Amino acid sequence: MANLTITIDDDLLRRARLRALERGTSVNAILRDYLEALAGGRDVRTSAVAKLLDLSRSAGSRRARRRWTRDELHER
């Protein structure tokens, strides 16, 4: 497997790391998945399923951290 070095702004990397953390993955994995899709390494269906699974995992982890009060649930 080859290594790739890129140069990006420090703030961009910080924001990318936060987004990857929210998704339960790494910046490296996100970039690898993007490059695979760009190069045609995966078909559209496989890519869509992977994205849905990532979203499902991140939604589940957010849901587990949030505790709603009765008042918040019934607020109008």
Protein backbone atom coordinates (compact mmCIF):
# COMPACT_ATOMS: atom_id res chain seq x y z
CA MET A 1 0.00 0.00 0.00
CA ALA A 2 1.34 3.45 -0.92
CA ASN A 3 1.48 6.57 1.24
CA LEU A 4 0.24 9.97 0.04
CA THR A 5 1.24 13.32 1.52
CA ILE A 6 -1.00 16.34 1.06
CA THR A 7 -0.69 19.91 2.27
CA ILE A 8 -3.78 21.55 3.73
CA ASP A 9 -4.62 24.44 6.03
CA ASP A 10 -4.37 23.66 9.77
CA ASP A 11 -7.95 24.81 10.37
CA LEU A 12 -9.25 22.60 7.56
CA LEU A 13 -7.51 19.58 9.06
CA ARG A 14 -8.93 20.38 12.51
CA ARG A 15 -12.47 20.60 11.10
CA ALA A 16 -11.99 17.40 9.09
CA ARG A 17 -10.80 15.57 12.21
CA LEU A 18 -13.85 16.74 14.13
CA ARG A 19 -16.18 15.60 11.33
CA ALA A 20 -14.41 12.23 11.17
CA LEU A 21 -14.73 11.85 14.94
CA GLU A 22 -18.47 12.54 14.69
CA ARG A 23 -18.68 9.74 12.11
CA GLY A 24 -16.59 7.36 14.20
CA THR A 25 -13.84 7.12 11.59
CA SER A 26 -10.59 8.82 10.61
CA VAL A 27 -9.64 11.47 8.08
CA ASN A 28 -7.46 8.84 6.42
CA ALA A 29 -10.43 6.47 5.97
CA ILE A 30 -12.64 9.25 4.61
CA LEU A 31 -10.00 10.28 2.08
CA ARG A 32 -9.36 6.66 1.08
CA ASP A 33 -13.10 6.08 0.53
CA TYR A 34 -13.36 9.27 -1.49
CA LEU A 35 -10.39 8.35 -3.69
CA GLU A 36 -11.77 4.83 -4.23
CA ALA A 37 -15.07 6.30 -5.37
CA LEU A 38 -13.31 8.90 -7.53
CA ALA A 39 -11.15 6.26 -9.21
CA GLY A 40 -14.10 3.94 -9.75
CA GLY A 41 -12.91 1.36 -7.24
CA ARG A 42 -16.41 0.88 -5.87
CA ASP A 43 -19.73 0.98 -7.58
CA VAL A 44 -22.33 3.55 -6.60
CA ARG A 45 -24.43 1.09 -4.60
CA THR A 46 -21.52 -0.07 -2.44
CA SER A 47 -20.53 3.52 -1.78
CA ALA A 48 -24.10 4.47 -0.84
CA VAL A 49 -24.39 1.55 1.56
CA ALA A 50 -21.10 2.49 3.22
CA LYS A 51 -22.26 6.09 3.66
CA LEU A 52 -25.59 4.97 5.12
CA LEU A 53 -23.82 2.70 7.59
CA ASP A 54 -21.53 5.56 8.63
CA LEU A 55 -24.51 7.86 9.14
CA SER A 56 -26.34 5.18 11.09
CA ARG A 57 -23.38 4.66 13.41
CA SER A 58 -22.90 8.38 14.02
CA ALA A 59 -26.65 8.92 14.61
CA GLY A 60 -26.73 6.07 17.10
CA SER A 61 -23.78 7.40 19.05
CA ARG A 62 -25.29 10.90 19.21
CA ARG A 63 -28.61 9.49 20.35
CA ALA A 64 -26.97 7.55 23.16
CA ARG A 65 -25.28 10.68 24.57
CA ARG A 66 -28.38 12.90 24.63
CA ARG A 67 -30.82 12.57 27.50
CA TRP A 68 -34.13 14.36 26.97
CA THR A 69 -36.18 15.64 29.87
CA ARG A 70 -39.93 15.18 29.94
CA ASP A 71 -40.42 18.94 29.51
CA GLU A 72 -38.15 19.04 26.46
CA LEU A 73 -40.06 16.18 24.83
CA HIS A 74 -43.41 17.88 25.34
CA GLU A 75 -42.26 21.44 24.59
CA ARG A 76 -44.35 23.12 21.89
